[in-house]
Every structure is written in C-alpha cells, then in structure tokens.
PDB file of all heavy atoms in Angstrom:
ATOM      1  N   TYR A   1      -9.791  -3.107  27.652  1.00  0.00           N
ATOM      2  CA  TYR A   1      -8.459  -2.564  27.379  1.00  0.00           C
ATOM      3  C   TYR A   1      -8.626  -1.435  26.369  1.00  0.00           C
ATOM      4  O   TYR A   1      -8.824  -1.659  25.173  1.00  0.00           O
ATOM      5  CB  TYR A   1      -7.573  -3.674  26.819  1.00  0.00           C
ATOM      6  CG  TYR A   1      -6.089  -3.357  26.790  1.00  0.00           C
ATOM      7  CD1 TYR A   1      -5.227  -3.956  27.697  1.00  0.00           C
ATOM      8  CD2 TYR A   1      -5.541  -2.479  25.862  1.00  0.00           C
ATOM      9  CE1 TYR A   1      -3.856  -3.698  27.688  1.00  0.00           C
ATOM     10  CE2 TYR A   1      -4.197  -2.199  25.836  1.00  0.00           C
ATOM     11  CZ  TYR A   1      -3.355  -2.809  26.749  1.00  0.00           C
ATOM     12  OH  TYR A   1      -2.008  -2.541  26.723  1.00  0.00           O
ATOM     13  N   ALA A   2      -8.594  -0.190  26.855  1.00  0.00           N
ATOM     14  CA  ALA A   2      -8.923   0.978  26.026  1.00  0.00           C
ATOM     15  C   ALA A   2      -7.658   1.677  25.556  1.00  0.00           C
ATOM     16  O   ALA A   2      -6.841   2.114  26.371  1.00  0.00           O
ATOM     17  CB  ALA A   2      -9.802   1.942  26.810  1.00  0.00           C
ATOM     18  N   ARG A   3      -7.513   1.809  24.227  1.00  0.00           N
ATOM     19  CA  ARG A   3      -6.307   2.373  23.621  1.00  0.00           C
ATOM     20  C   ARG A   3      -6.644   3.661  22.883  1.00  0.00           C
ATOM     21  O   ARG A   3      -7.617   3.734  22.135  1.00  0.00           O
ATOM     22  CB  ARG A   3      -5.673   1.370  22.655  1.00  0.00           C
ATOM     23  CG  ARG A   3      -5.711  -0.054  23.128  1.00  0.00           C
ATOM     24  CD  ARG A   3      -4.786  -0.967  22.355  1.00  0.00           C
ATOM     25  NE  ARG A   3      -3.395  -0.788  22.781  1.00  0.00           N
ATOM     26  CZ  ARG A   3      -2.392  -1.579  22.387  1.00  0.00           C
ATOM     27  NH1 ARG A   3      -2.620  -2.562  21.536  1.00  0.00           N
ATOM     28  NH2 ARG A   3      -1.167  -1.370  22.825  1.00  0.00           N
ATOM     29  N   MET A   4      -5.812   4.665  23.100  1.00  0.00           N
ATOM     30  CA  MET A   4      -6.013   5.967  22.459  1.00  0.00           C
ATOM     31  C   MET A   4      -4.749   6.353  21.708  1.00  0.00           C
ATOM     32  O   MET A   4      -3.671   6.464  22.303  1.00  0.00           O
ATOM     33  CB  MET A   4      -6.306   7.015  23.536  1.00  0.00           C
ATOM     34  CG  MET A   4      -6.575   8.422  23.015  1.00  0.00           C
ATOM     35  SD  MET A   4      -8.296   8.643  22.541  1.00  0.00           S
ATOM     36  CE  MET A   4      -8.162   8.526  20.762  1.00  0.00           C
ATOM     37  N   THR A   5      -4.867   6.522  20.399  1.00  0.00           N
ATOM     38  CA  THR A   5      -3.723   6.955  19.590  1.00  0.00           C
ATOM     39  C   THR A   5      -4.167   8.054  18.634  1.00  0.00           C
ATOM     40  O   THR A   5      -5.346   8.389  18.542  1.00  0.00           O
ATOM     41  CB  THR A   5      -3.153   5.786  18.765  1.00  0.00           C
ATOM     42  OG1 THR A   5      -4.186   5.259  17.923  1.00  0.00           O
ATOM     43  CG2 THR A   5      -2.594   4.691  19.657  1.00  0.00           C
ATOM     44  N   GLY A   6      -3.194   8.595  17.918  1.00  0.00           N
ATOM     45  CA  GLY A   6      -3.513   9.617  16.937  1.00  0.00           C
ATOM     46  C   GLY A   6      -4.080   9.033  15.661  1.00  0.00           C
ATOM     47  O   GLY A   6      -5.079   9.516  15.121  1.00  0.00           O
ATOM     48  N   TYR A   7      -3.456   7.964  15.161  1.00  0.00           N
ATOM     49  CA  TYR A   7      -3.815   7.432  13.846  1.00  0.00           C
ATOM     50  C   TYR A   7      -4.363   6.015  13.883  1.00  0.00           C
ATOM     51  O   TYR A   7      -4.694   5.461  12.831  1.00  0.00           O
ATOM     52  CB  TYR A   7      -2.577   7.459  12.935  1.00  0.00           C
ATOM     53  CG  TYR A   7      -1.998   8.843  12.753  1.00  0.00           C
ATOM     54  CD1 TYR A   7      -0.762   9.170  13.305  1.00  0.00           C
ATOM     55  CD2 TYR A   7      -2.675   9.820  12.034  1.00  0.00           C
ATOM     56  CE1 TYR A   7      -0.213  10.445  13.142  1.00  0.00           C
ATOM     57  CE2 TYR A   7      -2.141  11.099  11.874  1.00  0.00           C
ATOM     58  CZ  TYR A   7      -0.903  11.397  12.429  1.00  0.00           C
ATOM     59  OH  TYR A   7      -0.376  12.657  12.257  1.00  0.00           O
ATOM     60  N   GLY A   8      -4.464   5.405  15.067  1.00  0.00           N
ATOM     61  CA  GLY A   8      -4.998   4.058  15.158  1.00  0.00           C
ATOM     62  C   GLY A   8      -3.912   3.012  15.317  1.00  0.00           C
ATOM     63  O   GLY A   8      -2.720   3.286  15.158  1.00  0.00           O
ATOM     64  N   GLN A   9      -4.335   1.796  15.599  1.00  0.00           N
ATOM     65  CA  GLN A   9      -3.404   0.701  15.854  1.00  0.00           C
ATOM     66  C   GLN A   9      -2.884   0.050  14.578  1.00  0.00           C
ATOM     67  O   GLN A   9      -2.020  -0.824  14.638  1.00  0.00           O
ATOM     68  CB  GLN A   9      -4.096  -0.360  16.725  1.00  0.00           C
ATOM     69  CG  GLN A   9      -4.470   0.118  18.111  1.00  0.00           C
ATOM     70  CD  GLN A   9      -3.276   0.423  18.985  1.00  0.00           C
ATOM     71  OE1 GLN A   9      -2.258  -0.251  18.915  1.00  0.00           O
ATOM     72  NE2 GLN A   9      -3.399   1.457  19.823  1.00  0.00           N
ATOM     73  N   SER A  10      -3.378   0.444  13.433  1.00  0.00           N
ATOM     74  CA  SER A  10      -2.924  -0.124  12.162  1.00  0.00           C
ATOM     75  C   SER A  10      -2.913   0.969  11.102  1.00  0.00           C
ATOM     76  O   SER A  10      -3.324   2.098  11.359  1.00  0.00           O
ATOM     77  CB  SER A  10      -3.844  -1.271  11.728  1.00  0.00           C
ATOM     78  OG  SER A  10      -5.166  -0.792  11.520  1.00  0.00           O
ATOM     79  N   GLY A  11      -2.425   0.621   9.905  1.00  0.00           N
ATOM     80  CA  GLY A  11      -2.382   1.591   8.821  1.00  0.00           C
ATOM     81  C   GLY A  11      -1.000   2.167   8.626  1.00  0.00           C
ATOM     82  O   GLY A  11      -0.149   2.086   9.518  1.00  0.00           O
ATOM     83  N   PRO A  12      -0.757   2.777   7.458  1.00  0.00           N
ATOM     84  CA  PRO A  12       0.591   3.270   7.149  1.00  0.00           C
ATOM     85  C   PRO A  12       1.096   4.370   8.062  1.00  0.00           C
ATOM     86  O   PRO A  12       2.300   4.608   8.138  1.00  0.00           O
ATOM     87  CB  PRO A  12       0.450   3.769   5.701  1.00  0.00           C
ATOM     88  CG  PRO A  12      -1.010   3.972   5.486  1.00  0.00           C
ATOM     89  CD  PRO A  12      -1.692   2.961   6.337  1.00  0.00           C
ATOM     90  N   MET A  13       0.203   5.092   8.770  1.00  0.00           N
ATOM     91  CA  MET A  13       0.637   6.170   9.664  1.00  0.00           C
ATOM     92  C   MET A  13       0.568   5.786  11.131  1.00  0.00           C
ATOM     93  O   MET A  13       0.723   6.653  12.005  1.00  0.00           O
ATOM     94  CB  MET A  13      -0.197   7.432   9.417  1.00  0.00           C
ATOM     95  CG  MET A  13       0.003   8.063   8.055  1.00  0.00           C
ATOM     96  SD  MET A  13      -0.801   9.685   7.903  1.00  0.00           S
ATOM     97  CE  MET A  13       0.181  10.672   9.039  1.00  0.00           C
ATOM     98  N   ARG A  14       0.371   4.532  11.432  1.00  0.00           N
ATOM     99  CA  ARG A  14       0.182   4.132  12.833  1.00  0.00           C
ATOM    100  C   ARG A  14       1.345   4.549  13.734  1.00  0.00           C
ATOM    101  O   ARG A  14       1.153   4.862  14.904  1.00  0.00           O
ATOM    102  CB  ARG A  14      -0.054   2.625  12.958  1.00  0.00           C
ATOM    103  CG  ARG A  14       1.027   1.756  12.374  1.00  0.00           C
ATOM    104  CD  ARG A  14       0.989   0.336  12.917  1.00  0.00           C
ATOM    105  NE  ARG A  14       1.807   0.238  14.119  1.00  0.00           N
ATOM    106  CZ  ARG A  14       1.811  -0.822  14.918  1.00  0.00           C
ATOM    107  NH1 ARG A  14       1.024  -1.850  14.666  1.00  0.00           N
ATOM    108  NH2 ARG A  14       2.606  -0.856  15.985  1.00  0.00           N
ATOM    109  N   ASP A  15       2.566   4.567  13.203  1.00  0.00           N
ATOM    110  CA  ASP A  15       3.736   4.885  14.010  1.00  0.00           C
ATOM    111  C   ASP A  15       4.168   6.346  13.900  1.00  0.00           C
ATOM    112  O   ASP A  15       5.167   6.739  14.513  1.00  0.00           O
ATOM    113  CB  ASP A  15       4.910   3.985  13.609  1.00  0.00           C
ATOM    114  CG  ASP A  15       4.639   2.520  13.892  1.00  0.00           C
ATOM    115  OD1 ASP A  15       4.057   2.230  14.956  1.00  0.00           O
ATOM    116  OD2 ASP A  15       4.977   1.679  13.051  1.00  0.00           O
ATOM    117  N   ALA A  16       3.442   7.148  13.140  1.00  0.00           N
ATOM    118  CA  ALA A  16       3.839   8.539  12.919  1.00  0.00           C
ATOM    119  C   ALA A  16       3.593   9.378  14.171  1.00  0.00           C
ATOM    120  O   ALA A  16       2.630   9.172  14.908  1.00  0.00           O
ATOM    121  CB  ALA A  16       3.069   9.137  11.741  1.00  0.00           C
ATOM    122  N   ALA A  17       4.497  10.336  14.395  1.00  0.00           N
ATOM    123  CA  ALA A  17       4.320  11.270  15.506  1.00  0.00           C
ATOM    124  C   ALA A  17       3.273  12.314  15.134  1.00  0.00           C
ATOM    125  O   ALA A  17       3.046  12.603  13.953  1.00  0.00           O
ATOM    126  CB  ALA A  17       5.646  11.949  15.832  1.00  0.00           C
ATOM    127  N   GLY A  18       2.657  12.914  16.130  1.00  0.00           N
ATOM    128  CA  GLY A  18       1.679  13.955  15.850  1.00  0.00           C
ATOM    129  C   GLY A  18       1.041  14.487  17.106  1.00  0.00           C
ATOM    130  O   GLY A  18       1.232  13.956  18.203  1.00  0.00           O
ATOM    131  N   HIS A  19       0.302  15.574  16.936  1.00  0.00           N
ATOM    132  CA  HIS A  19      -0.512  16.151  17.995  1.00  0.00           C
ATOM    133  C   HIS A  19      -1.871  16.508  17.392  1.00  0.00           C
ATOM    134  O   HIS A  19      -2.113  16.313  16.199  1.00  0.00           O
ATOM    135  CB  HIS A  19       0.158  17.385  18.592  1.00  0.00           C
ATOM    136  CG  HIS A  19       1.310  17.055  19.504  1.00  0.00           C
ATOM    137  ND1 HIS A  19       1.140  16.405  20.701  1.00  0.00           N
ATOM    138  CD2 HIS A  19       2.651  17.288  19.385  1.00  0.00           C
ATOM    139  CE1 HIS A  19       2.303  16.241  21.290  1.00  0.00           C
ATOM    140  NE2 HIS A  19       3.248  16.769  20.517  1.00  0.00           N
ATOM    141  N   ASP A  20      -2.733  17.041  18.244  1.00  0.00           N
ATOM    142  CA  ASP A  20      -4.112  17.358  17.847  1.00  0.00           C
ATOM    143  C   ASP A  20      -4.197  17.992  16.461  1.00  0.00           C
ATOM    144  O   ASP A  20      -4.988  17.573  15.618  1.00  0.00           O
ATOM    145  CB  ASP A  20      -4.707  18.298  18.904  1.00  0.00           C
ATOM    146  CG  ASP A  20      -6.149  18.690  18.628  1.00  0.00           C
ATOM    147  OD1 ASP A  20      -6.381  19.438  17.656  1.00  0.00           O
ATOM    148  OD2 ASP A  20      -7.033  18.280  19.384  1.00  0.00           O
ATOM    149  N   LEU A  21      -3.386  19.015  16.226  1.00  0.00           N
ATOM    150  CA  LEU A  21      -3.473  19.751  14.971  1.00  0.00           C
ATOM    151  C   LEU A  21      -3.181  18.860  13.767  1.00  0.00           C
ATOM    152  O   LEU A  21      -3.808  19.008  12.708  1.00  0.00           O
ATOM    153  CB  LEU A  21      -2.500  20.933  14.995  1.00  0.00           C
ATOM    154  CG  LEU A  21      -2.792  22.092  14.039  1.00  0.00           C
ATOM    155  CD1 LEU A  21      -4.138  22.722  14.362  1.00  0.00           C
ATOM    156  CD2 LEU A  21      -1.692  23.139  14.107  1.00  0.00           C
ATOM    157  N   ASN A  22      -2.230  17.939  13.917  1.00  0.00           N
ATOM    158  CA  ASN A  22      -1.928  17.011  12.829  1.00  0.00           C
ATOM    159  C   ASN A  22      -3.104  16.072  12.571  1.00  0.00           C
ATOM    160  O   ASN A  22      -3.467  15.806  11.418  1.00  0.00           O
ATOM    161  CB  ASN A  22      -0.687  16.175  13.165  1.00  0.00           C
ATOM    162  CG  ASN A  22       0.508  17.029  13.491  1.00  0.00           C
ATOM    163  OD1 ASN A  22       0.971  17.019  14.617  1.00  0.00           O
ATOM    164  ND2 ASN A  22       1.022  17.785  12.529  1.00  0.00           N
ATOM    165  N   TYR A  23      -3.700  15.580  13.631  1.00  0.00           N
ATOM    166  CA  TYR A  23      -4.786  14.615  13.475  1.00  0.00           C
ATOM    167  C   TYR A  23      -5.995  15.247  12.782  1.00  0.00           C
ATOM    168  O   TYR A  23      -6.570  14.668  11.864  1.00  0.00           O
ATOM    169  CB  TYR A  23      -5.190  14.048  14.840  1.00  0.00           C
ATOM    170  CG  TYR A  23      -4.025  13.515  15.639  1.00  0.00           C
ATOM    171  CD1 TYR A  23      -3.935  13.726  17.012  1.00  0.00           C
ATOM    172  CD2 TYR A  23      -2.987  12.813  15.028  1.00  0.00           C
ATOM    173  CE1 TYR A  23      -2.856  13.261  17.746  1.00  0.00           C
ATOM    174  CE2 TYR A  23      -1.898  12.342  15.759  1.00  0.00           C
ATOM    175  CZ  TYR A  23      -1.836  12.574  17.110  1.00  0.00           C
ATOM    176  OH  TYR A  23      -0.776  12.116  17.837  1.00  0.00           O
ATOM    177  N   ILE A  24      -6.370  16.451  13.230  1.00  0.00           N
ATOM    178  CA  ILE A  24      -7.565  17.053  12.622  1.00  0.00           C
ATOM    179  C   ILE A  24      -7.269  17.612  11.237  1.00  0.00           C
ATOM    180  O   ILE A  24      -8.194  17.852  10.453  1.00  0.00           O
ATOM    181  CB  ILE A  24      -8.185  18.131  13.530  1.00  0.00           C
ATOM    182  CG1 ILE A  24      -7.304  19.376  13.635  1.00  0.00           C
ATOM    183  CG2 ILE A  24      -8.467  17.571  14.903  1.00  0.00           C
ATOM    184  CD1 ILE A  24      -7.979  20.523  14.392  1.00  0.00           C
TER     185      ILE A  24
END
C-alpha cells in the first residue's frame, strides 16, 4: 500500500496544502 504526500502521514504539517515548490 504505497502512499505519496507532500509532508508525510504524520507531523504538524501533514494536513497542509502545497505543491512541489512548497515541499522543496
């Protein structure tokens, strides 16, 4: 079961919106 997110499945930013530029 492979999951891909911007900030991960846990942590204070897990639910934050974003795109490539925000992540890097």
